[in-house]
Structure formats: C-alpha cells, structure tokens
Amino acid sequence: RTLYEETEESAAAREAQAAARRLSRPLGA
C-alpha cells in the first residue's frame, strides 16, 4: 500500500460505485 497513492477522485468514484452496487437489486430479484 505504500508503493502508490490513489487520487481523491478515484477513491470517491470507487466508493460511489460500491454504494450503487449495494443498493441495486440482485439479478432475478
């Protein structure tokens, strides 16, 4: 983890994508 630093916009976009996945209904629901 010390080899790199993730940009703030990248971290925010990944968090938003993870939240959208959690809120979406599973396939076949």
mmCIF file of all heavy atoms, coordinates in Angstrom:
data_MODEL
# 
_entry.id   MODEL 
# 
loop_
_atom_site.group_PDB 
_atom_site.id 
_atom_site.type_symbol 
_atom_site.label_atom_id 
_atom_site.label_alt_id 
_atom_site.label_comp_id 
_atom_site.label_asym_id 
_atom_site.label_entity_id 
_atom_site.label_seq_id 
_atom_site.pdbx_PDB_ins_code 
_atom_site.Cartn_x 
_atom_site.Cartn_y 
_atom_site.Cartn_z 
_atom_site.occupancy 
_atom_site.B_iso_or_equiv 
_atom_site.pdbx_formal_charge 
_atom_site.auth_seq_id 
_atom_site.auth_comp_id 
_atom_site.auth_asym_id 
_atom_site.auth_atom_id 
_atom_site.pdbx_PDB_model_num 
ATOM 1   N N   . ARG A 1 1  ? 0.822   -1.214  0.000   1.00 0.00 ? 1  ARG A N   1 
ATOM 2   C CA  . ARG A 1 1  ? 0.000   0.000   0.000   1.00 0.00 ? 1  ARG A CA  1 
ATOM 3   C C   . ARG A 1 1  ? 0.856   1.264   0.000   1.00 0.00 ? 1  ARG A C   1 
ATOM 4   O O   . ARG A 1 1  ? 0.414   2.319   -0.446  1.00 0.00 ? 1  ARG A O   1 
ATOM 5   C CB  . ARG A 1 1  ? -0.923  -0.022  1.230   1.00 0.00 ? 1  ARG A CB  1 
ATOM 6   C CG  . ARG A 1 1  ? -1.892  1.103   1.325   1.00 0.00 ? 1  ARG A CG  1 
ATOM 7   C CD  . ARG A 1 1  ? -2.959  1.010   0.242   1.00 0.00 ? 1  ARG A CD  1 
ATOM 8   N NE  . ARG A 1 1  ? -3.919  2.086   0.387   1.00 0.00 ? 1  ARG A NE  1 
ATOM 9   C CZ  . ARG A 1 1  ? -3.962  3.162   -0.383  1.00 0.00 ? 1  ARG A CZ  1 
ATOM 10  N NH1 . ARG A 1 1  ? -3.107  3.310   -1.355  1.00 0.00 ? 1  ARG A NH1 1 
ATOM 11  N NH2 . ARG A 1 1  ? -4.863  4.089   -0.191  1.00 0.00 ? 1  ARG A NH2 1 
ATOM 12  N N   . THR A 1 2  ? 2.097   1.172   0.463   1.00 0.00 ? 2  THR A N   1 
ATOM 13  C CA  . THR A 1 2  ? 2.979   2.335   0.484   1.00 0.00 ? 2  THR A CA  1 
ATOM 14  C C   . THR A 1 2  ? 3.614   2.612   -0.882  1.00 0.00 ? 2  THR A C   1 
ATOM 15  O O   . THR A 1 2  ? 4.260   3.640   -1.050  1.00 0.00 ? 2  THR A O   1 
ATOM 16  C CB  . THR A 1 2  ? 4.106   2.163   1.523   1.00 0.00 ? 2  THR A CB  1 
ATOM 17  O OG1 . THR A 1 2  ? 4.916   1.049   1.147   1.00 0.00 ? 2  THR A OG1 1 
ATOM 18  C CG2 . THR A 1 2  ? 3.528   1.955   2.910   1.00 0.00 ? 2  THR A CG2 1 
ATOM 19  N N   . LEU A 1 3  ? 3.447   1.709   -1.837  1.00 0.00 ? 3  LEU A N   1 
ATOM 20  C CA  . LEU A 1 3  ? 4.051   1.890   -3.153  1.00 0.00 ? 3  LEU A CA  1 
ATOM 21  C C   . LEU A 1 3  ? 3.297   2.886   -4.024  1.00 0.00 ? 3  LEU A C   1 
ATOM 22  O O   . LEU A 1 3  ? 3.826   3.369   -5.014  1.00 0.00 ? 3  LEU A O   1 
ATOM 23  C CB  . LEU A 1 3  ? 4.130   0.546   -3.896  1.00 0.00 ? 3  LEU A CB  1 
ATOM 24  C CG  . LEU A 1 3  ? 5.001   -0.530  -3.271  1.00 0.00 ? 3  LEU A CG  1 
ATOM 25  C CD1 . LEU A 1 3  ? 4.932   -1.794  -4.100  1.00 0.00 ? 3  LEU A CD1 1 
ATOM 26  C CD2 . LEU A 1 3  ? 6.433   -0.055  -3.141  1.00 0.00 ? 3  LEU A CD2 1 
ATOM 27  N N   . TYR A 1 4  ? 2.046   3.180   -3.673  1.00 0.00 ? 4  TYR A N   1 
ATOM 28  C CA  . TYR A 1 4  ? 1.240   4.066   -4.502  1.00 0.00 ? 4  TYR A CA  1 
ATOM 29  C C   . TYR A 1 4  ? 0.317   4.916   -3.637  1.00 0.00 ? 4  TYR A C   1 
ATOM 30  O O   . TYR A 1 4  ? 0.115   4.655   -2.458  1.00 0.00 ? 4  TYR A O   1 
ATOM 31  C CB  . TYR A 1 4  ? 0.396   3.268   -5.504  1.00 0.00 ? 4  TYR A CB  1 
ATOM 32  C CG  . TYR A 1 4  ? -0.593  2.325   -4.863  1.00 0.00 ? 4  TYR A CG  1 
ATOM 33  C CD1 . TYR A 1 4  ? -1.886  2.742   -4.588  1.00 0.00 ? 4  TYR A CD1 1 
ATOM 34  C CD2 . TYR A 1 4  ? -0.233  1.027   -4.540  1.00 0.00 ? 4  TYR A CD2 1 
ATOM 35  C CE1 . TYR A 1 4  ? -2.795  1.891   -4.002  1.00 0.00 ? 4  TYR A CE1 1 
ATOM 36  C CE2 . TYR A 1 4  ? -1.142  0.168   -3.959  1.00 0.00 ? 4  TYR A CE2 1 
ATOM 37  C CZ  . TYR A 1 4  ? -2.418  0.599   -3.701  1.00 0.00 ? 4  TYR A CZ  1 
ATOM 38  O OH  . TYR A 1 4  ? -3.318  -0.242  -3.113  1.00 0.00 ? 4  TYR A OH  1 
ATOM 39  N N   . GLU A 1 5  ? -0.230  5.935   -4.280  1.00 0.00 ? 5  GLU A N   1 
ATOM 40  C CA  . GLU A 1 5  ? -1.228  6.791   -3.638  1.00 0.00 ? 5  GLU A CA  1 
ATOM 41  C C   . GLU A 1 5  ? -2.376  6.946   -4.631  1.00 0.00 ? 5  GLU A C   1 
ATOM 42  O O   . GLU A 1 5  ? -2.160  7.333   -5.780  1.00 0.00 ? 5  GLU A O   1 
ATOM 43  C CB  . GLU A 1 5  ? -0.625  8.149   -3.307  1.00 0.00 ? 5  GLU A CB  1 
ATOM 44  C CG  . GLU A 1 5  ? -1.579  9.082   -2.611  1.00 0.00 ? 5  GLU A CG  1 
ATOM 45  C CD  . GLU A 1 5  ? -0.926  10.404  -2.263  1.00 0.00 ? 5  GLU A CD  1 
ATOM 46  O OE1 . GLU A 1 5  ? 0.316   10.482  -2.246  1.00 0.00 ? 5  GLU A OE1 1 
ATOM 47  O OE2 . GLU A 1 5  ? -1.673  11.353  -2.017  1.00 0.00 ? 5  GLU A OE2 1 
ATOM 48  N N   . GLU A 1 6  ? -3.574  6.632   -4.185  1.00 0.00 ? 6  GLU A N   1 
ATOM 49  C CA  . GLU A 1 6  ? -4.747  6.756   -5.052  1.00 0.00 ? 6  GLU A CA  1 
ATOM 50  C C   . GLU A 1 6  ? -5.237  8.201   -5.029  1.00 0.00 ? 6  GLU A C   1 
ATOM 51  O O   . GLU A 1 6  ? -5.263  8.842   -3.974  1.00 0.00 ? 6  GLU A O   1 
ATOM 52  C CB  . GLU A 1 6  ? -5.847  5.817   -4.572  1.00 0.00 ? 6  GLU A CB  1 
ATOM 53  C CG  . GLU A 1 6  ? -7.057  5.806   -5.473  1.00 0.00 ? 6  GLU A CG  1 
ATOM 54  C CD  . GLU A 1 6  ? -8.108  4.810   -5.037  1.00 0.00 ? 6  GLU A CD  1 
ATOM 55  O OE1 . GLU A 1 6  ? -8.007  4.273   -3.925  1.00 0.00 ? 6  GLU A OE1 1 
ATOM 56  O OE2 . GLU A 1 6  ? -9.038  4.592   -5.813  1.00 0.00 ? 6  GLU A OE2 1 
ATOM 57  N N   . THR A 1 7  ? -5.631  8.726   -6.186  1.00 0.00 ? 7  THR A N   1 
ATOM 58  C CA  . THR A 1 7  ? -6.141  10.089  -6.238  1.00 0.00 ? 7  THR A CA  1 
ATOM 59  C C   . THR A 1 7  ? -7.499  10.163  -5.545  1.00 0.00 ? 7  THR A C   1 
ATOM 60  O O   . THR A 1 7  ? -8.209  9.171   -5.433  1.00 0.00 ? 7  THR A O   1 
ATOM 61  C CB  . THR A 1 7  ? -6.284  10.576  -7.699  1.00 0.00 ? 7  THR A CB  1 
ATOM 62  O OG1 . THR A 1 7  ? -7.224  9.746   -8.366  1.00 0.00 ? 7  THR A OG1 1 
ATOM 63  C CG2 . THR A 1 7  ? -4.957  10.550  -8.422  1.00 0.00 ? 7  THR A CG2 1 
ATOM 64  N N   . GLU A 1 8  ? -7.841  11.355  -5.073  1.00 0.00 ? 8  GLU A N   1 
ATOM 65  C CA  . GLU A 1 8  ? -9.098  11.544  -4.335  1.00 0.00 ? 8  GLU A CA  1 
ATOM 66  C C   . GLU A 1 8  ? -10.307 11.274  -5.210  1.00 0.00 ? 8  GLU A C   1 
ATOM 67  O O   . GLU A 1 8  ? -11.284 10.673  -4.775  1.00 0.00 ? 8  GLU A O   1 
ATOM 68  C CB  . GLU A 1 8  ? -9.159  12.958  -3.763  1.00 0.00 ? 8  GLU A CB  1 
ATOM 69  C CG  . GLU A 1 8  ? -8.155  13.205  -2.664  1.00 0.00 ? 8  GLU A CG  1 
ATOM 70  C CD  . GLU A 1 8  ? -8.229  14.628  -2.134  1.00 0.00 ? 8  GLU A CD  1 
ATOM 71  O OE1 . GLU A 1 8  ? -9.257  15.305  -2.390  1.00 0.00 ? 8  GLU A OE1 1 
ATOM 72  O OE2 . GLU A 1 8  ? -7.277  15.045  -1.481  1.00 0.00 ? 8  GLU A OE2 1 
ATOM 73  N N   . GLU A 1 9  ? -10.246 11.705  -6.467  1.00 0.00 ? 9  GLU A N   1 
ATOM 74  C CA  . GLU A 1 9  ? -11.395 11.488  -7.359  1.00 0.00 ? 9  GLU A CA  1 
ATOM 75  C C   . GLU A 1 9  ? -11.594 10.006  -7.651  1.00 0.00 ? 9  GLU A C   1 
ATOM 76  O O   . GLU A 1 9  ? -12.725 9.538   -7.763  1.00 0.00 ? 9  GLU A O   1 
ATOM 77  C CB  . GLU A 1 9  ? -11.228 12.275  -8.653  1.00 0.00 ? 9  GLU A CB  1 
ATOM 78  C CG  . GLU A 1 9  ? -10.024 11.862  -9.479  1.00 0.00 ? 9  GLU A CG  1 
ATOM 79  C CD  . GLU A 1 9  ? -9.809  12.736  -10.693 1.00 0.00 ? 9  GLU A CD  1 
ATOM 80  O OE1 . GLU A 1 9  ? -10.256 13.890  -10.678 1.00 0.00 ? 9  GLU A OE1 1 
ATOM 81  O OE2 . GLU A 1 9  ? -9.180  12.247  -11.650 1.00 0.00 ? 9  GLU A OE2 1 
ATOM 82  N N   . SER A 1 10 ? -10.517 9.259   -7.743  1.00 0.00 ? 10 SER A N   1 
ATOM 83  C CA  . SER A 1 10 ? -10.614 7.826   -7.974  1.00 0.00 ? 10 SER A CA  1 
ATOM 84  C C   . SER A 1 10 ? -11.238 7.124   -6.782  1.00 0.00 ? 10 SER A C   1 
ATOM 85  O O   . SER A 1 10 ? -12.116 6.274   -6.929  1.00 0.00 ? 10 SER A O   1 
ATOM 86  C CB  . SER A 1 10 ? -9.222  7.245   -8.247  1.00 0.00 ? 10 SER A CB  1 
ATOM 87  O OG  . SER A 1 10 ? -9.259  5.842   -8.270  1.00 0.00 ? 10 SER A OG  1 
ATOM 88  N N   . ALA A 1 11 ? -10.807 7.484   -5.580  1.00 0.00 ? 11 ALA A N   1 
ATOM 89  C CA  . ALA A 1 11 ? -11.356 6.875   -4.368  1.00 0.00 ? 11 ALA A CA  1 
ATOM 90  C C   . ALA A 1 11 ? -12.842 7.200   -4.236  1.00 0.00 ? 11 ALA A C   1 
ATOM 91  O O   . ALA A 1 11 ? -13.656 6.339   -3.888  1.00 0.00 ? 11 ALA A O   1 
ATOM 92  C CB  . ALA A 1 11 ? -10.588 7.356   -3.143  1.00 0.00 ? 11 ALA A CB  1 
ATOM 93  N N   . ALA A 1 12 ? -13.220 8.460   -4.523  1.00 0.00 ? 12 ALA A N   1 
ATOM 94  C CA  . ALA A 1 12 ? -14.630 8.861   -4.435  1.00 0.00 ? 12 ALA A CA  1 
ATOM 95  C C   . ALA A 1 12 ? -15.477 8.103   -5.455  1.00 0.00 ? 12 ALA A C   1 
ATOM 96  O O   . ALA A 1 12 ? -16.588 7.651   -5.149  1.00 0.00 ? 12 ALA A O   1 
ATOM 97  C CB  . ALA A 1 12 ? -14.756 10.359  -4.642  1.00 0.00 ? 12 ALA A CB  1 
ATOM 98  N N   . ALA A 1 13 ? -14.963 7.943   -6.666  1.00 0.00 ? 13 ALA A N   1 
ATOM 99  C CA  . ALA A 1 13 ? -15.710 7.229   -7.707  1.00 0.00 ? 13 ALA A CA  1 
ATOM 100 C C   . ALA A 1 13 ? -15.888 5.757   -7.355  1.00 0.00 ? 13 ALA A C   1 
ATOM 101 O O   . ALA A 1 13 ? -16.963 5.184   -7.565  1.00 0.00 ? 13 ALA A O   1 
ATOM 102 C CB  . ALA A 1 13 ? -14.989 7.362   -9.055  1.00 0.00 ? 13 ALA A CB  1 
ATOM 103 N N   . ARG A 1 14 ? -14.842 5.141   -6.793  1.00 0.00 ? 14 ARG A N   1 
ATOM 104 C CA  . ARG A 1 14 ? -14.955 3.733   -6.404  1.00 0.00 ? 14 ARG A CA  1 
ATOM 105 C C   . ARG A 1 14 ? -15.945 3.561   -5.250  1.00 0.00 ? 14 ARG A C   1 
ATOM 106 O O   . ARG A 1 14 ? -16.711 2.597   -5.213  1.00 0.00 ? 14 ARG A O   1 
ATOM 107 C CB  . ARG A 1 14 ? -13.588 3.163   -6.013  1.00 0.00 ? 14 ARG A CB  1 
ATOM 108 C CG  . ARG A 1 14 ? -12.724 2.839   -7.198  1.00 0.00 ? 14 ARG A CG  1 
ATOM 109 C CD  . ARG A 1 14 ? -11.461 2.074   -6.871  1.00 0.00 ? 14 ARG A CD  1 
ATOM 110 N NE  . ARG A 1 14 ? -10.789 2.476   -5.656  1.00 0.00 ? 14 ARG A NE  1 
ATOM 111 C CZ  . ARG A 1 14 ? -10.844 1.801   -4.498  1.00 0.00 ? 14 ARG A CZ  1 
ATOM 112 N NH1 . ARG A 1 14 ? -11.538 0.710   -4.402  1.00 0.00 ? 14 ARG A NH1 1 
ATOM 113 N NH2 . ARG A 1 14 ? -10.178 2.231   -3.446  1.00 0.00 ? 14 ARG A NH2 1 
ATOM 114 N N   . GLU A 1 15 ? -15.941 4.495   -4.303  1.00 0.00 ? 15 GLU A N   1 
ATOM 115 C CA  . GLU A 1 15 ? -16.903 4.440   -3.193  1.00 0.00 ? 15 GLU A CA  1 
ATOM 116 C C   . GLU A 1 15 ? -18.336 4.589   -3.700  1.00 0.00 ? 15 GLU A C   1 
ATOM 117 O O   . GLU A 1 15 ? -19.236 3.895   -3.239  1.00 0.00 ? 15 GLU A O   1 
ATOM 118 C CB  . GLU A 1 15 ? -16.595 5.524   -2.161  1.00 0.00 ? 15 GLU A CB  1 
ATOM 119 C CG  . GLU A 1 15 ? -15.365 5.241   -1.337  1.00 0.00 ? 15 GLU A CG  1 
ATOM 120 C CD  . GLU A 1 15 ? -15.525 4.027   -0.440  1.00 0.00 ? 15 GLU A CD  1 
ATOM 121 O OE1 . GLU A 1 15 ? -16.633 3.794   0.074   1.00 0.00 ? 15 GLU A OE1 1 
ATOM 122 O OE2 . GLU A 1 15 ? -14.537 3.304   -0.269  1.00 0.00 ? 15 GLU A OE2 1 
ATOM 123 N N   . ALA A 1 16 ? -18.555 5.521   -4.635  1.00 0.00 ? 16 ALA A N   1 
ATOM 124 C CA  . ALA A 1 16 ? -19.893 5.725   -5.196  1.00 0.00 ? 16 ALA A CA  1 
ATOM 125 C C   . ALA A 1 16 ? -20.356 4.481   -5.947  1.00 0.00 ? 16 ALA A C   1 
ATOM 126 O O   . ALA A 1 16 ? -21.524 4.084   -5.855  1.00 0.00 ? 16 ALA A O   1 
ATOM 127 C CB  . ALA A 1 16 ? -19.891 6.934   -6.122  1.00 0.00 ? 16 ALA A CB  1 
ATOM 128 N N   . GLN A 1 17 ? -19.442 3.855   -6.671  1.00 0.00 ? 17 GLN A N   1 
ATOM 129 C CA  . GLN A 1 17 ? -19.780 2.637   -7.403  1.00 0.00 ? 17 GLN A CA  1 
ATOM 130 C C   . GLN A 1 17 ? -20.116 1.505   -6.443  1.00 0.00 ? 17 GLN A C   1 
ATOM 131 O O   . GLN A 1 17 ? -21.059 0.746   -6.664  1.00 0.00 ? 17 GLN A O   1 
ATOM 132 C CB  . GLN A 1 17 ? -18.614 2.240   -8.308  1.00 0.00 ? 17 GLN A CB  1 
ATOM 133 C CG  . GLN A 1 17 ? -18.922 1.083   -9.218  1.00 0.00 ? 17 GLN A CG  1 
ATOM 134 C CD  . GLN A 1 17 ? -17.745 0.705   -10.088 1.00 0.00 ? 17 GLN A CD  1 
ATOM 135 O OE1 . GLN A 1 17 ? -16.587 0.946   -9.724  1.00 0.00 ? 17 GLN A OE1 1 
ATOM 136 N NE2 . GLN A 1 17 ? -18.019 0.104   -11.220 1.00 0.00 ? 17 GLN A NE2 1 
ATOM 137 N N   . ALA A 1 18 ? -19.383 1.386   -5.352  1.00 0.00 ? 18 ALA A N   1 
ATOM 138 C CA  . ALA A 1 18 ? -19.654 0.350   -4.355  1.00 0.00 ? 18 ALA A CA  1 
ATOM 139 C C   . ALA A 1 18 ? -21.007 0.585   -3.690  1.00 0.00 ? 18 ALA A C   1 
ATOM 140 O O   . ALA A 1 18 ? -21.773 -0.365  -3.453  1.00 0.00 ? 18 ALA A O   1 
ATOM 141 C CB  . ALA A 1 18 ? -18.546 0.320   -3.309  1.00 0.00 ? 18 ALA A CB  1 
ATOM 142 N N   . ALA A 1 19 ? -21.340 1.844   -3.405  1.00 0.00 ? 19 ALA A N   1 
ATOM 143 C CA  . ALA A 1 19 ? -22.632 2.159   -2.795  1.00 0.00 ? 19 ALA A CA  1 
ATOM 144 C C   . ALA A 1 19 ? -23.772 1.838   -3.758  1.00 0.00 ? 19 ALA A C   1 
ATOM 145 O O   . ALA A 1 19 ? -24.813 1.308   -3.345  1.00 0.00 ? 19 ALA A O   1 
ATOM 146 C CB  . ALA A 1 19 ? -22.676 3.630   -2.399  1.00 0.00 ? 19 ALA A CB  1 
ATOM 147 N N   . ALA A 1 20 ? -23.581 2.135   -5.031  1.00 0.00 ? 20 ALA A N   1 
ATOM 148 C CA  . ALA A 1 20 ? -24.612 1.828   -6.026  1.00 0.00 ? 20 ALA A CA  1 
ATOM 149 C C   . ALA A 1 20 ? -24.814 0.320   -6.155  1.00 0.00 ? 20 ALA A C   1 
ATOM 150 O O   . ALA A 1 20 ? -25.949 -0.150  -6.316  1.00 0.00 ? 20 ALA A O   1 
ATOM 151 C CB  . ALA A 1 20 ? -24.222 2.421   -7.378  1.00 0.00 ? 20 ALA A CB  1 
ATOM 152 N N   . ARG A 1 21 ? -23.730 -0.442  -6.078  1.00 0.00 ? 21 ARG A N   1 
ATOM 153 C CA  . ARG A 1 21 ? -23.846 -1.910  -6.144  1.00 0.00 ? 21 ARG A CA  1 
ATOM 154 C C   . ARG A 1 21 ? -24.608 -2.449  -4.944  1.00 0.00 ? 21 ARG A C   1 
ATOM 155 O O   . ARG A 1 21 ? -25.400 -3.380  -5.064  1.00 0.00 ? 21 ARG A O   1 
ATOM 156 C CB  . ARG A 1 21 ? -22.461 -2.552  -6.193  1.00 0.00 ? 21 ARG A CB  1 
ATOM 157 C CG  . ARG A 1 21 ? -21.956 -2.814  -7.573  1.00 0.00 ? 21 ARG A CG  1 
ATOM 158 C CD  . ARG A 1 21 ? -20.768 -3.777  -7.567  1.00 0.00 ? 21 ARG A CD  1 
ATOM 159 N NE  . ARG A 1 21 ? -19.817 -3.570  -6.508  1.00 0.00 ? 21 ARG A NE  1 
ATOM 160 C CZ  . ARG A 1 21 ? -18.729 -2.822  -6.591  1.00 0.00 ? 21 ARG A CZ  1 
ATOM 161 N NH1 . ARG A 1 21 ? -18.461 -2.190  -7.693  1.00 0.00 ? 21 ARG A NH1 1 
ATOM 162 N NH2 . ARG A 1 21 ? -17.912 -2.708  -5.577  1.00 0.00 ? 21 ARG A NH2 1 
ATOM 163 N N   . ARG A 1 22 ? -24.360 -1.878  -3.760  1.00 0.00 ? 22 ARG A N   1 
ATOM 164 C CA  . ARG A 1 22 ? -25.048 -2.338  -2.555  1.00 0.00 ? 22 ARG A CA  1 
ATOM 165 C C   . ARG A 1 22 ? -26.542 -2.048  -2.625  1.00 0.00 ? 22 ARG A C   1 
ATOM 166 O O   . ARG A 1 22 ? -27.356 -2.825  -2.133  1.00 0.00 ? 22 ARG A O   1 
ATOM 167 C CB  . ARG A 1 22 ? -24.454 -1.680  -1.316  1.00 0.00 ? 22 ARG A CB  1 
ATOM 168 C CG  . ARG A 1 22 ? -23.165 -2.312  -0.838  1.00 0.00 ? 22 ARG A CG  1 
ATOM 169 C CD  . ARG A 1 22 ? -22.796 -1.820  0.539   1.00 0.00 ? 22 ARG A CD  1 
ATOM 170 N NE  . ARG A 1 22 ? -22.553 -0.386  0.593   1.00 0.00 ? 22 ARG A NE  1 
ATOM 171 C CZ  . ARG A 1 22 ? -21.391 0.204   0.361   1.00 0.00 ? 22 ARG A CZ  1 
ATOM 172 N NH1 . ARG A 1 22 ? -20.336 -0.522  0.069   1.00 0.00 ? 22 ARG A NH1 1 
ATOM 173 N NH2 . ARG A 1 22 ? -21.265 1.512   0.437   1.00 0.00 ? 22 ARG A NH2 1 
ATOM 174 N N   . LEU A 1 23 ? -26.910 -0.906  -3.218  1.00 0.00 ? 23 LEU A N   1 
ATOM 175 C CA  . LEU A 1 23 ? -28.302 -0.509  -3.276  1.00 0.00 ? 23 LEU A CA  1 
ATOM 176 C C   . LEU A 1 23 ? -29.087 -1.165  -4.410  1.00 0.00 ? 23 LEU A C   1 
ATOM 177 O O   . LEU A 1 23 ? -30.306 -1.222  -4.358  1.00 0.00 ? 23 LEU A O   1 
ATOM 178 C CB  . LEU A 1 23 ? -28.410 1.017   -3.402  1.00 0.00 ? 23 LEU A CB  1 
ATOM 179 C CG  . LEU A 1 23 ? -27.915 1.812   -2.204  1.00 0.00 ? 23 LEU A CG  1 
ATOM 180 C CD1 . LEU A 1 23 ? -27.967 3.293   -2.507  1.00 0.00 ? 23 LEU A CD1 1 
ATOM 181 C CD2 . LEU A 1 23 ? -28.742 1.492   -0.971  1.00 0.00 ? 23 LEU A CD2 1 
ATOM 182 N N   . SER A 1 24 ? -28.398 -1.618  -5.422  1.00 0.00 ? 24 SER A N   1 
ATOM 183 C CA  . SER A 1 24 ? -29.093 -2.213  -6.554  1.00 0.00 ? 24 SER A CA  1 
ATOM 184 C C   . SER A 1 24 ? -29.628 -3.597  -6.194  1.00 0.00 ? 24 SER A C   1 
ATOM 185 O O   . SER A 1 24 ? -29.081 -4.303  -5.347  1.00 0.00 ? 24 SER A O   1 
ATOM 186 C CB  . SER A 1 24 ? -28.169 -2.317  -7.763  1.00 0.00 ? 24 SER A CB  1 
ATOM 187 O OG  . SER A 1 24 ? -27.175 -3.279  -7.527  1.00 0.00 ? 24 SER A OG  1 
ATOM 188 N N   . ARG A 1 25 ? -30.703 -3.954  -6.839  1.00 0.00 ? 25 ARG A N   1 
ATOM 189 C CA  . ARG A 1 25 ? -31.305 -5.257  -6.580  1.00 0.00 ? 25 ARG A CA  1 
ATOM 190 C C   . ARG A 1 25 ? -30.519 -6.325  -7.323  1.00 0.00 ? 25 ARG A C   1 
ATOM 191 O O   . ARG A 1 25 ? -30.074 -6.113  -8.447  1.00 0.00 ? 25 ARG A O   1 
ATOM 192 C CB  . ARG A 1 25 ? -32.750 -5.247  -7.044  1.00 0.00 ? 25 ARG A CB  1 
ATOM 193 C CG  . ARG A 1 25 ? -33.591 -4.275  -6.216  1.00 0.00 ? 25 ARG A CG  1 
ATOM 194 C CD  . ARG A 1 25 ? -34.967 -4.124  -6.749  1.00 0.00 ? 25 ARG A CD  1 
ATOM 195 N NE  . ARG A 1 25 ? -35.658 -5.402  -6.758  1.00 0.00 ? 25 ARG A NE  1 
ATOM 196 C CZ  . ARG A 1 25 ? -36.862 -5.579  -7.276  1.00 0.00 ? 25 ARG A CZ  1 
ATOM 197 N NH1 . ARG A 1 25 ? -37.491 -4.570  -7.818  1.00 0.00 ? 25 ARG A NH1 1 
ATOM 198 N NH2 . ARG A 1 25 ? -37.433 -6.761  -7.246  1.00 0.00 ? 25 ARG A NH2 1 
ATOM 199 N N   . PRO A 1 26 ? -30.371 -7.494  -6.742  1.00 0.00 ? 26 PRO A N   1 
ATOM 200 C CA  . PRO A 1 26 ? -29.644 -8.561  -7.425  1.00 0.00 ? 26 PRO A CA  1 
ATOM 201 C C   . PRO A 1 26 ? -30.411 -9.058  -8.641  1.00 0.00 ? 26 PRO A C   1 
ATOM 202 O O   . PRO A 1 26 ? -31.637 -8.936  -8.717  1.00 0.00 ? 26 PRO A O   1 
ATOM 203 C CB  . PRO A 1 26 ? -29.515 -9.651  -6.358  1.00 0.00 ? 26 PRO A CB  1 
ATOM 204 C CG  . PRO A 1 26 ? -30.568 -9.357  -5.367  1.00 0.00 ? 26 PRO A CG  1 
ATOM 205 C CD  . PRO A 1 26 ? -30.807 -7.878  -5.417  1.00 0.00 ? 26 PRO A CD  1 
ATOM 206 N N   . LEU A 1 27 ? -29.686 -9.614  -9.582  1.00 0.00 ? 27 LEU A N   1 
ATOM 207 C CA  . LEU A 1 27 ? -30.271 -10.136 -10.801 1.00 0.00 ? 27 LEU A CA  1 
ATOM 208 C C   . LEU A 1 27 ? -31.270 -11.242 -10.471 1.00 0.00 ? 27 LEU A C   1 
ATOM 209 O O   . LEU A 1 27 ? -30.959 -12.171 -9.734  1.00 0.00 ? 27 LEU A O   1 
ATOM 210 C CB  . LEU A 1 27 ? -29.166 -10.689 -11.708 1.00 0.00 ? 27 LEU A CB  1 
ATOM 211 C CG  . LEU A 1 27 ? -29.582 -11.125 -13.090 1.00 0.00 ? 27 LEU A CG  1 
ATOM 212 C CD1 . LEU A 1 27 ? -30.104 -9.912  -13.870 1.00 0.00 ? 27 LEU A CD1 1 
ATOM 213 C CD2 . LEU A 1 27 ? -28.419 -11.733 -13.825 1.00 0.00 ? 27 LEU A CD2 1 
ATOM 214 N N   . GLY A 1 28 ? -32.483 -11.128 -10.982 1.00 0.00 ? 28 GLY A N   1 
ATOM 215 C CA  . GLY A 1 28 ? -33.509 -12.139 -10.747 1.00 0.00 ? 28 GLY A CA  1 
ATOM 216 C C   . GLY A 1 28 ? -34.365 -11.853 -9.531  1.00 0.00 ? 28 GLY A C   1 
ATOM 217 O O   . GLY A 1 28 ? -35.254 -12.642 -9.211  1.00 0.00 ? 28 GLY A O   1 
ATOM 218 N N   . ALA A 1 29 ? -34.153 -10.733 -8.856  1.00 0.00 ? 29 ALA A N   1 
ATOM 219 C CA  . ALA A 1 29 ? -34.935 -10.421 -7.659  1.00 0.00 ? 29 ALA A CA  1 
ATOM 220 C C   . ALA A 1 29 ? -36.385 -10.124 -8.014  1.00 0.00 ? 29 ALA A C   1 
ATOM 221 O O   . ALA A 1 29 ? -37.277 -10.293 -7.191  1.00 0.00 ? 29 ALA A O   1 
ATOM 222 C CB  . ALA A 1 29 ? -34.327 -9.245  -6.922  1.00 0.00 ? 29 ALA A CB  1 
# 
